[in-house]
Amino acid sequence: MKVGDLIKRTDYTVFDEKTGKYIEDGVSQLGFVLKPPRNAKVLVLHNGEQVEWTAWQCEIVGEVSESR
């Protein structure tokens, strides 16, 4: 996982106000890596904000090519 990669995670803590229950399958979230993982956390740009995600819960869905 490197800066610029597109990663995905699933948030299982999303609460549905209408049903009063948690969304069983969670909600997928996409973000761009801003800083490489450190201490199991990765800094991500998600919905215009910088947030920390737990690195081992993420999967890379698009890699930045290393052109020189």
PDB file of N, CA and C in Angstrom:
ATOM      1  N   MET A   1       0.857  -1.168   0.000  1.00  0.00           N
ATOM      2  CA  MET A   1       0.000   0.000   0.000  1.00  0.00           C
ATOM      3  C   MET A   1       0.903   1.231   0.000  1.00  0.00           C
ATOM      4  N   LYS A   2       0.689   2.094  -1.022  1.00  0.00           N
ATOM      5  CA  LYS A   2       1.548   3.270  -1.121  1.00  0.00           C
ATOM      6  C   LYS A   2       0.714   4.523  -1.405  1.00  0.00           C
ATOM      7  N   VAL A   3       1.348   5.679  -1.258  1.00  0.00           N
ATOM      8  CA  VAL A   3       0.662   6.950  -1.473  1.00  0.00           C
ATOM      9  C   VAL A   3       0.049   6.974  -2.870  1.00  0.00           C
ATOM     10  N   GLY A   4      -1.214   7.364  -2.931  1.00  0.00           N
ATOM     11  CA  GLY A   4      -1.935   7.453  -4.205  1.00  0.00           C
ATOM     12  C   GLY A   4      -2.780   6.256  -4.539  1.00  0.00           C
ATOM     13  N   ASP A   5      -2.548   5.121  -3.876  1.00  0.00           N
ATOM     14  CA  ASP A   5      -3.365   3.925  -4.130  1.00  0.00           C
ATOM     15  C   ASP A   5      -4.812   4.186  -3.719  1.00  0.00           C
ATOM     16  N   LEU A   6      -5.736   3.597  -4.461  1.00  0.00           N
ATOM     17  CA  LEU A   6      -7.151   3.631  -4.115  1.00  0.00           C
ATOM     18  C   LEU A   6      -7.438   2.383  -3.290  1.00  0.00           C
ATOM     19  N   ILE A   7      -7.988   2.576  -2.087  1.00  0.00           N
ATOM     20  CA  ILE A   7      -8.273   1.437  -1.214  1.00  0.00           C
ATOM     21  C   ILE A   7      -9.735   1.437  -0.803  1.00  0.00           C
ATOM     22  N   LYS A   8     -10.194   0.270  -0.376  1.00  0.00           N
ATOM     23  CA  LYS A   8     -11.586   0.087   0.036  1.00  0.00           C
ATOM     24  C   LYS A   8     -11.617  -0.574   1.405  1.00  0.00           C
ATOM     25  N   ARG A   9     -12.587  -0.179   2.191  1.00  0.00           N
ATOM     26  CA  ARG A   9     -12.846  -0.854   3.461  1.00  0.00           C
ATOM     27  C   ARG A   9     -14.356  -0.921   3.654  1.00  0.00           C
ATOM     28  N   THR A  10     -14.794  -1.785   4.530  1.00  0.00           N
ATOM     29  CA  THR A  10     -16.218  -1.899   4.839  1.00  0.00           C
ATOM     30  C   THR A  10     -16.445  -1.463   6.272  1.00  0.00           C
ATOM     31  N   ASP A  11     -17.352  -0.516   6.446  1.00  0.00           N
ATOM     32  CA  ASP A  11     -17.694  -0.008   7.772  1.00  0.00           C
ATOM     33  C   ASP A  11     -18.930  -0.761   8.268  1.00  0.00           C
ATOM     34  N   TYR A  12     -18.737  -1.569   9.298  1.00  0.00           N
ATOM     35  CA  TYR A  12     -19.840  -2.362   9.847  1.00  0.00           C
ATOM     36  C   TYR A  12     -20.537  -1.660  11.008  1.00  0.00           C
ATOM     37  N   THR A  13     -20.186  -0.407  11.268  1.00  0.00           N
ATOM     38  CA  THR A  13     -20.777   0.323  12.393  1.00  0.00           C
ATOM     39  C   THR A  13     -21.852   1.306  11.941  1.00  0.00           C
ATOM     40  N   VAL A  14     -22.298   1.204  10.673  1.00  0.00           N
ATOM     41  CA  VAL A  14     -23.302   2.127  10.145  1.00  0.00           C
ATOM     42  C   VAL A  14     -24.680   1.713  10.643  1.00  0.00           C
ATOM     43  N   PHE A  15     -25.366   2.655  11.265  1.00  0.00           N
ATOM     44  CA  PHE A  15     -26.676   2.422  11.872  1.00  0.00           C
ATOM     45  C   PHE A  15     -27.764   2.965  10.948  1.00  0.00           C
ATOM     46  N   ASP A  16     -28.769   2.163  10.667  1.00  0.00           N
ATOM     47  CA  ASP A  16     -29.898   2.582   9.829  1.00  0.00           C
ATOM     48  C   ASP A  16     -30.979   3.165  10.742  1.00  0.00           C
ATOM     49  N   GLU A  17     -31.185   4.466  10.642  1.00  0.00           N
ATOM     50  CA  GLU A  17     -32.159   5.154  11.500  1.00  0.00           C
ATOM     51  C   GLU A  17     -33.585   4.637  11.281  1.00  0.00           C
ATOM     52  N   LYS A  18     -33.908   4.247  10.050  1.00  0.00           N
ATOM     53  CA  LYS A  18     -35.278   3.809   9.744  1.00  0.00           C
ATOM     54  C   LYS A  18     -35.611   2.482  10.407  1.00  0.00           C
ATOM     55  N   THR A  19     -34.672   1.531  10.368  1.00  0.00           N
ATOM     56  CA  THR A  19     -34.951   0.202  10.912  1.00  0.00           C
ATOM     57  C   THR A  19     -34.522   0.078  12.368  1.00  0.00           C
ATOM     58  N   GLY A  20     -33.647   0.977  12.811  1.00  0.00           N
ATOM     59  CA  GLY A  20     -33.141   0.899  14.181  1.00  0.00           C
ATOM     60  C   GLY A  20     -32.114  -0.208  14.355  1.00  0.00           C
ATOM     61  N   LYS A  21     -31.520  -0.653  13.244  1.00  0.00           N
ATOM     62  CA  LYS A  21     -30.529  -1.729  13.287  1.00  0.00           C
ATOM     63  C   LYS A  21     -29.279  -1.321  12.516  1.00  0.00           C
ATOM     64  N   TYR A  22     -28.209  -2.056  12.797  1.00  0.00           N
ATOM     65  CA  TYR A  22     -26.986  -1.856  12.030  1.00  0.00           C
ATOM     66  C   TYR A  22     -27.154  -2.489  10.659  1.00  0.00           C
ATOM     67  N   ILE A  23     -26.527  -1.896   9.648  1.00  0.00           N
ATOM     68  CA  ILE A  23     -26.590  -2.450   8.303  1.00  0.00           C
ATOM     69  C   ILE A  23     -25.742  -3.717   8.292  1.00  0.00           C
ATOM     70  N   GLU A  24     -26.395  -4.834   8.061  1.00  0.00           N
ATOM     71  CA  GLU A  24     -25.773  -6.151   8.230  1.00  0.00           C
ATOM     72  C   GLU A  24     -24.503  -6.357   7.402  1.00  0.00           C
ATOM     73  N   ASP A  25     -24.542  -5.982   6.145  1.00  0.00           N
ATOM     74  CA  ASP A  25     -23.381  -6.191   5.277  1.00  0.00           C
ATOM     75  C   ASP A  25     -22.416  -5.014   5.295  1.00  0.00           C
ATOM     76  N   GLY A  26     -22.699  -4.001   6.090  1.00  0.00           N
ATOM     77  CA  GLY A  26     -21.835  -2.834   6.184  1.00  0.00           C
ATOM     78  C   GLY A  26     -21.958  -1.943   4.964  1.00  0.00           C
ATOM     79  N   VAL A  27     -21.146  -0.896   4.963  1.00  0.00           N
ATOM     80  CA  VAL A  27     -21.131   0.062   3.868  1.00  0.00           C
ATOM     81  C   VAL A  27     -19.692   0.183   3.362  1.00  0.00           C
ATOM     82  N   SER A  28     -19.495  -0.044   2.061  1.00  0.00           N
ATOM     83  CA  SER A  28     -18.158   0.062   1.477  1.00  0.00           C
ATOM     84  C   SER A  28     -17.755   1.532   1.372  1.00  0.00           C
ATOM     85  N   GLN A  29     -16.483   1.796   1.649  1.00  0.00           N
ATOM     86  CA  GLN A  29     -15.942   3.146   1.554  1.00  0.00           C
ATOM     87  C   GLN A  29     -14.657   3.097   0.739  1.00  0.00           C
ATOM     88  N   LEU A  30     -14.463   4.103  -0.108  1.00  0.00           N
ATOM     89  CA  LEU A  30     -13.256   4.217  -0.916  1.00  0.00           C
ATOM     90  C   LEU A  30     -12.460   5.428  -0.473  1.00  0.00           C
ATOM     91  N   GLY A  31     -11.146   5.332  -0.583  1.00  0.00           N
ATOM     92  CA  GLY A  31     -10.295   6.462  -0.245  1.00  0.00           C
ATOM     93  C   GLY A  31      -8.931   6.323  -0.895  1.00  0.00           C
ATOM     94  N   PHE A  32      -8.219   7.450  -0.958  1.00  0.00           N
ATOM     95  CA  PHE A  32      -6.863   7.474  -1.502  1.00  0.00           C
ATOM     96  C   PHE A  32      -5.863   7.544  -0.358  1.00  0.00           C
ATOM     97  N   VAL A  33      -4.816   6.737  -0.445  1.00  0.00           N
ATOM     98  CA  VAL A  33      -3.771   6.708   0.582  1.00  0.00           C
ATOM     99  C   VAL A  33      -2.981   8.017   0.521  1.00  0.00           C
ATOM    100  N   LEU A  34      -2.902   8.709   1.664  1.00  0.00           N
ATOM    101  CA  LEU A  34      -2.121   9.939   1.758  1.00  0.00           C
ATOM    102  C   LEU A  34      -0.748   9.695   2.379  1.00  0.00           C
ATOM    103  N   LYS A  35      -0.693   8.741   3.296  1.00  0.00           N
ATOM    104  CA  LYS A  35       0.572   8.350   3.931  1.00  0.00           C
ATOM    105  C   LYS A  35       0.577   6.836   4.070  1.00  0.00           C
ATOM    106  N   PRO A  36       1.726   6.208   3.869  1.00  0.00           N
ATOM    107  CA  PRO A  36       1.798   4.750   4.015  1.00  0.00           C
ATOM    108  C   PRO A  36       1.419   4.315   5.433  1.00  0.00           C
ATOM    109  N   PRO A  37       0.967   3.063   5.579  1.00  0.00           N
ATOM    110  CA  PRO A  37       0.573   2.565   6.900  1.00  0.00           C
ATOM    111  C   PRO A  37       1.709   2.665   7.920  1.00  0.00           C
ATOM    112  N   ARG A  38       1.329   2.997   9.140  1.00  0.00           N
ATOM    113  CA  ARG A  38       2.273   3.041  10.256  1.00  0.00           C
ATOM    114  C   ARG A  38       1.503   2.644  11.518  1.00  0.00           C
ATOM    115  N   ASN A  39       2.037   1.709  12.248  1.00  0.00           N
ATOM    116  CA  ASN A  39       1.367   1.217  13.468  1.00  0.00           C
ATOM    117  C   ASN A  39      -0.065   0.764  13.180  1.00  0.00           C
ATOM    118  N   ALA A  40      -0.246   0.078  12.056  1.00  0.00           N
ATOM    119  CA  ALA A  40      -1.531  -0.502  11.641  1.00  0.00           C
ATOM    120  C   ALA A  40      -2.567   0.545  11.244  1.00  0.00           C
ATOM    121  N   LYS A  41      -2.184   1.807  11.110  1.00  0.00           N
ATOM    122  CA  LYS A  41      -3.095   2.864  10.670  1.00  0.00           C
ATOM    123  C   LYS A  41      -2.604   3.439   9.353  1.00  0.00           C
ATOM    124  N   VAL A  42      -3.544   3.832   8.498  1.00  0.00           N
ATOM    125  CA  VAL A  42      -3.200   4.451   7.224  1.00  0.00           C
ATOM    126  C   VAL A  42      -4.020   5.730   7.103  1.00  0.00           C
ATOM    127  N   LEU A  43      -3.372   6.826   6.693  1.00  0.00           N
ATOM    128  CA  LEU A  43      -4.053   8.106   6.506  1.00  0.00           C
ATOM    129  C   LEU A  43      -4.643   8.126   5.099  1.00  0.00           C
ATOM    130  N   VAL A  44      -5.943   8.405   5.024  1.00  0.00           N
ATOM    131  CA  VAL A  44      -6.700   8.279   3.778  1.00  0.00           C
ATOM    132  C   VAL A  44      -7.503   9.553   3.526  1.00  0.00           C
ATOM    133  N   LEU A  45      -7.654   9.899   2.248  1.00  0.00           N
ATOM    134  CA  LEU A  45      -8.569  10.966   1.850  1.00  0.00           C
ATOM    135  C   LEU A  45      -9.887  10.297   1.476  1.00  0.00           C
ATOM    136  N   HIS A  46     -10.933  10.568   2.267  1.00  0.00           N
ATOM    137  CA  HIS A  46     -12.253   9.962   2.059  1.00  0.00           C
ATOM    138  C   HIS A  46     -13.303  11.053   2.214  1.00  0.00           C
ATOM    139  N   ASN A  47     -14.128  11.235   1.177  1.00  0.00           N
ATOM    140  CA  ASN A  47     -15.173  12.271   1.182  1.00  0.00           C
ATOM    141  C   ASN A  47     -14.617  13.655   1.497  1.00  0.00           C
ATOM    142  N   GLY A  48     -13.440  13.949   0.968  1.00  0.00           N
ATOM    143  CA  GLY A  48     -12.846  15.268   1.140  1.00  0.00           C
ATOM    144  C   GLY A  48     -12.195  15.519   2.487  1.00  0.00           C
ATOM    145  N   GLU A  49     -12.109  14.501   3.315  1.00  0.00           N
ATOM    146  CA  GLU A  49     -11.503  14.639   4.637  1.00  0.00           C
ATOM    147  C   GLU A  49     -10.377  13.638   4.826  1.00  0.00           C
ATOM    148  N   GLN A  50      -9.397  14.022   5.643  1.00  0.00           N
ATOM    149  CA  GLN A  50      -8.327  13.108   6.005  1.00  0.00           C
ATOM    150  C   GLN A  50      -8.780  12.300   7.211  1.00  0.00           C
ATOM    151  N   VAL A  51      -8.771  10.983   7.056  1.00  0.00           N
ATOM    152  CA  VAL A  51      -9.195  10.091   8.135  1.00  0.00           C
ATOM    153  C   VAL A  51      -8.203   8.948   8.271  1.00  0.00           C
ATOM    154  N   GLU A  52      -8.153   8.344   9.439  1.00  0.00           N
ATOM    155  CA  GLU A  52      -7.309   7.165   9.655  1.00  0.00           C
ATOM    156  C   GLU A  52      -8.161   5.913   9.600  1.00  0.00           C
ATOM    157  N   TRP A  53      -7.699   4.954   8.838  1.00  0.00           N
ATOM    158  CA  TRP A  53      -8.340   3.646   8.773  1.00  0.00           C
ATOM    159  C   TRP A  53      -7.355   2.612   9.288  1.00  0.00           C
ATOM    160  N   THR A  54      -7.868   1.502   9.792  1.00  0.00           N
ATOM    161  CA  THR A  54      -7.025   0.392  10.200  1.00  0.00           C
ATOM    162  C   THR A  54      -6.559  -0.326   8.931  1.00  0.00           C
ATOM    163  N   ALA A  55      -5.253  -0.369   8.747  1.00  0.00           N
ATOM    164  CA  ALA A  55      -4.671  -0.850   7.485  1.00  0.00           C
ATOM    165  C   ALA A  55      -5.086  -2.274   7.126  1.00  0.00           C
ATOM    166  N   TRP A  56      -5.140  -3.175   8.116  1.00  0.00           N
ATOM    167  CA  TRP A  56      -5.432  -4.572   7.781  1.00  0.00           C
ATOM    168  C   TRP A  56      -6.884  -4.784   7.390  1.00  0.00           C
ATOM    169  N   GLN A  57      -7.743  -3.772   7.550  1.00  0.00           N
ATOM    170  CA  GLN A  57      -9.138  -3.880   7.128  1.00  0.00           C
ATOM    171  C   GLN A  57      -9.345  -3.371   5.700  1.00  0.00           C
ATOM    172  N   CYS A  58      -8.279  -2.938   5.061  1.00  0.00           N
ATOM    173  CA  CYS A  58      -8.363  -2.328   3.731  1.00  0.00           C
ATOM    174  C   CYS A  58      -7.838  -3.259   2.651  1.00  0.00           C
ATOM    175  N   GLU A  59      -8.390  -3.078   1.456  1.00  0.00           N
ATOM    176  CA  GLU A  59      -7.858  -3.797   0.307  1.00  0.00           C
ATOM    177  C   GLU A  59      -7.578  -2.789  -0.805  1.00  0.00           C
ATOM    178  N   ILE A  60      -6.521  -3.025  -1.544  1.00  0.00           N
ATOM    179  CA  ILE A  60      -6.151  -2.146  -2.644  1.00  0.00           C
ATOM    180  C   ILE A  60      -7.026  -2.480  -3.844  1.00  0.00           C
ATOM    181  N   VAL A  61      -7.703  -1.465  -4.392  1.00  0.00           N
ATOM    182  CA  VAL A  61      -8.535  -1.687  -5.569  1.00  0.00           C
ATOM    183  C   VAL A  61      -7.950  -0.992  -6.795  1.00  0.00           C
ATOM    184  N   GLY A  62      -6.978  -0.121  -6.605  1.00  0.00           N
ATOM    185  CA  GLY A  62      -6.310   0.548  -7.724  1.00  0.00           C
ATOM    186  C   GLY A  62      -4.945   1.033  -7.279  1.00  0.00           C
ATOM    187  N   GLU A  63      -3.925   0.598  -8.000  1.00  0.00           N
ATOM    188  CA  GLU A  63      -2.547   0.963  -7.625  1.00  0.00           C
ATOM    189  C   GLU A  63      -2.014   2.062  -8.515  1.00  0.00           C
ATOM    190  N   VAL A  64      -1.196   2.919  -7.928  1.00  0.00           N
ATOM    191  CA  VAL A  64      -0.506   3.949  -8.676  1.00  0.00           C
ATOM    192  C   VAL A  64       0.672   3.284  -9.376  1.00  0.00           C
ATOM    193  N   SER A  65       0.811   3.547 -10.668  1.00  0.00           N
ATOM    194  CA  SER A  65       1.951   2.961 -11.385  1.00  0.00           C
ATOM    195  C   SER A  65       3.209   3.751 -11.045  1.00  0.00           C
ATOM    196  N   GLU A  66       4.306   3.049 -11.041  1.00  0.00           N
ATOM    197  CA  GLU A  66       5.571   3.679 -10.709  1.00  0.00           C
ATOM    198  C   GLU A  66       6.320   3.977 -11.990  1.00  0.00           C
ATOM    199  N   SER A  67       5.961   5.078 -12.647  1.00  0.00           N
ATOM    200  CA  SER A  67       6.644   5.478 -13.878  1.00  0.00           C
ATOM    201  C   SER A  67       7.830   6.357 -13.522  1.00  0.00           C
ATOM    202  N   ARG A  68       8.888   6.203 -14.297  1.00  0.00           N
ATOM    203  CA  ARG A  68      10.100   6.985 -14.017  1.00  0.00           C
ATOM    204  C   ARG A  68      10.533   7.710 -15.250  1.00  0.00           C
TER     205      ARG A  68
END
